[in-house]
Amino acid sequence: MAAWWTSLAAGAYAHTLVGFATAFVLGTVIGLERQWRQRTAGLRTNVLVAVGAAAFSDLGMRLLGAEGAARIISYVVSGIGSWARVSS
């Protein structure tokens, strides 16, 4: 039984790590493009927003399941949308 729990925790940890790495890479690509075009929100801002959104959605999935994660993701999208209107 201990081996089953350990493998489950390792799989969940790996899933979280892949999600954060993907958010970091995609946030970097978007940030570099905005930095290159000299827009207001640059590399650091986009990376932090992408990783933060990934962290909140992962936390929501772990604590509240799929329904709770969907709610949290909708709030993240709403917040980013209002932030984008101000920064553009």
Protein backbone atom coordinates (compact mmCIF):
# COMPACT_ATOMS: atom_id res chain seq x y z
CA MET A 1 0.00 0.00 0.00
CA ALA A 2 2.83 2.42 0.73
CA ALA A 3 4.27 1.91 -2.78
CA TRP A 4 0.89 2.79 -4.35
CA TRP A 5 0.66 6.05 -2.40
CA THR A 6 4.26 6.97 -3.19
CA SER A 7 3.78 6.43 -6.92
CA LEU A 8 0.56 8.47 -6.84
CA ALA A 9 2.28 11.36 -5.09
CA ALA A 10 5.23 11.21 -7.51
CA GLY A 11 2.86 11.26 -10.48
CA ALA A 12 0.96 14.25 -9.12
CA TYR A 13 4.23 16.04 -8.41
CA ALA A 14 5.45 15.36 -11.94
CA HIS A 15 2.14 16.61 -13.38
CA THR A 16 2.43 19.84 -11.41
CA LEU A 17 6.04 20.32 -12.47
CA VAL A 18 5.18 19.81 -16.14
CA GLY A 19 2.32 22.31 -15.83
CA PHE A 20 4.55 24.94 -14.23
CA ALA A 21 7.32 24.36 -16.79
CA THR A 22 4.84 24.71 -19.65
CA ALA A 23 3.44 27.92 -18.15
CA PHE A 24 6.98 29.26 -17.71
CA VAL A 25 7.98 28.50 -21.30
CA LEU A 26 4.79 29.90 -22.84
CA GLY A 27 4.90 32.98 -20.59
CA THR A 28 8.52 33.51 -21.64
CA VAL A 29 7.63 33.29 -25.34
CA ILE A 30 4.79 35.79 -24.96
CA GLY A 31 6.91 38.07 -22.78
CA LEU A 32 9.82 38.05 -25.22
CA GLU A 33 7.50 38.98 -28.06
CA ARG A 34 6.04 41.85 -26.05
CA GLN A 35 9.50 42.96 -24.92
CA TRP A 36 10.71 42.91 -28.53
CA ARG A 37 7.78 45.09 -29.61
CA GLN A 38 8.38 47.35 -26.57
CA ARG A 39 4.91 46.90 -25.06
CA THR A 40 4.16 47.74 -21.44
CA ALA A 41 3.87 44.23 -20.01
CA GLY A 42 7.17 42.54 -20.76
CA LEU A 43 8.97 39.31 -20.04
CA ARG A 44 8.89 39.26 -16.24
CA THR A 45 5.24 40.26 -15.98
CA ASN A 46 4.02 37.64 -18.44
CA VAL A 47 6.08 34.86 -16.88
CA LEU A 48 4.78 35.68 -13.40
CA VAL A 49 1.17 35.86 -14.59
CA ALA A 50 1.45 32.55 -16.48
CA VAL A 51 3.06 30.67 -13.59
CA GLY A 52 0.64 32.23 -11.10
CA ALA A 53 -2.35 31.19 -13.20
CA ALA A 54 -0.93 27.66 -13.44
CA ALA A 55 -0.44 27.56 -9.67
CA PHE A 56 -3.99 28.69 -8.93
CA SER A 57 -5.55 26.26 -11.39
CA ASP A 58 -3.43 23.38 -10.05
CA LEU A 59 -4.35 24.26 -6.48
CA GLY A 60 -8.03 24.48 -7.43
CA MET A 61 -7.88 21.07 -9.08
CA ARG A 62 -6.25 19.50 -6.03
CA LEU A 63 -8.55 21.10 -3.45
CA LEU A 64 -11.92 21.33 -5.19
CA GLY A 65 -11.78 18.93 -8.13
CA ALA A 66 -12.65 19.70 -11.73
CA GLU A 67 -15.65 21.91 -10.95
CA GLY A 68 -13.72 24.05 -8.50
CA ALA A 69 -10.78 24.32 -10.87
CA ALA A 70 -13.09 25.54 -13.63
CA ARG A 71 -14.45 28.24 -11.32
CA ILE A 72 -10.96 29.36 -10.33
CA ILE A 73 -9.78 29.39 -13.96
CA SER A 74 -12.77 31.57 -14.92
CA TYR A 75 -11.77 34.09 -12.24
CA VAL A 76 -8.15 34.02 -13.42
CA VAL A 77 -9.26 34.68 -17.02
CA SER A 78 -11.49 37.52 -15.85
CA GLY A 79 -8.65 39.07 -13.84
CA ILE A 80 -6.17 38.80 -16.69
CA GLY A 81 -8.73 40.31 -19.06
CA SER A 82 -9.22 43.35 -16.85
CA TRP A 83 -5.44 43.64 -16.39
CA ALA A 84 -4.91 43.48 -20.17
CA ARG A 85 -7.36 46.33 -20.77
CA VAL A 86 -5.42 48.54 -18.37
CA SER A 87 -1.93 47.66 -19.66
CA SER A 88 -2.56 47.99 -23.40
